[in-house]
């Protein structure tokens, strides 16, 4: 009987010691834990201000999640937004836009959310603009301005050709618009086709979609985030940024970023050319 009590005592003491050690291990872990964004500060350089559009991007994303829930849309965070989520645990420090992907067979649902025109794009409210001709329509495809006039060139925030939809947000006091872009994929059973980027994915890269958190909001991500991001940004996506901070300015750091910073405009697209001029030279992003 004494042996049984002794064994029981040893077991209890062992459990207590194990719990104490485990708790100490957890305390040390959380004490030393830093967010991905802080640990990745060397990727971006230093000296640039915090992203001034962060609050607006959060508003845009909440608006999107509300729309997706209301319309029962299958979607996932994609492209640069997913890169920020995975690499930084937040929005990329220099971004003023977000990206989500849906599936083409559900694209029609967004037409019901299309903002009636005319409307003021700089009234500080979110507005969804639907582009039924996506992806890669002809450059002279007729579309309507925010004021409701039909045009065949890009003249304002409502006359883009791609993506399939865009939610815009711009306060009256701001010179810059923030937006959330919606792109569409085709489900071809054996694979998924990204019409916008002209890339294909094995089903296992995207499905099953899994829950994740972005900007503090419950959302949905691809099944294999690393595989997805590698497809678009290469094997060094976690350690190389499109832009780096130099002398308190964001400077293009890759060939892709330089092309985006100074895009080639169609000959008759005056709005595009004006944007390039206003945006500045030397591939700089200024807030």
Foldseek 3Di string as FASTA:
>chain_A
DVVVVVVVVVVVVVVVVVVVVVVVVVVVPVVPDDFLQVVQCVQFDDDADFQPQQVVQVVQVVVVVVLCVVLVFDKAWDDQQLLCCVRGVAHDRHDQEGEMETAPVSLVSCVVQADDDQDDLAAQDKGKAFQQPDDPDDQQDWDADNNGDIGRADDDPRPDNDDRMKIWGHHNPDPDIGIYHYHHWYCPPQWIARRNVRDIGGQQQAPPWDWDAYSNHIGTHGNNSQVRCCVPPNPCSNRHDQWHDDPNWTAGDDPVLQCVLQPDDPPPHVNSVVCSVVCDDRSIHDD
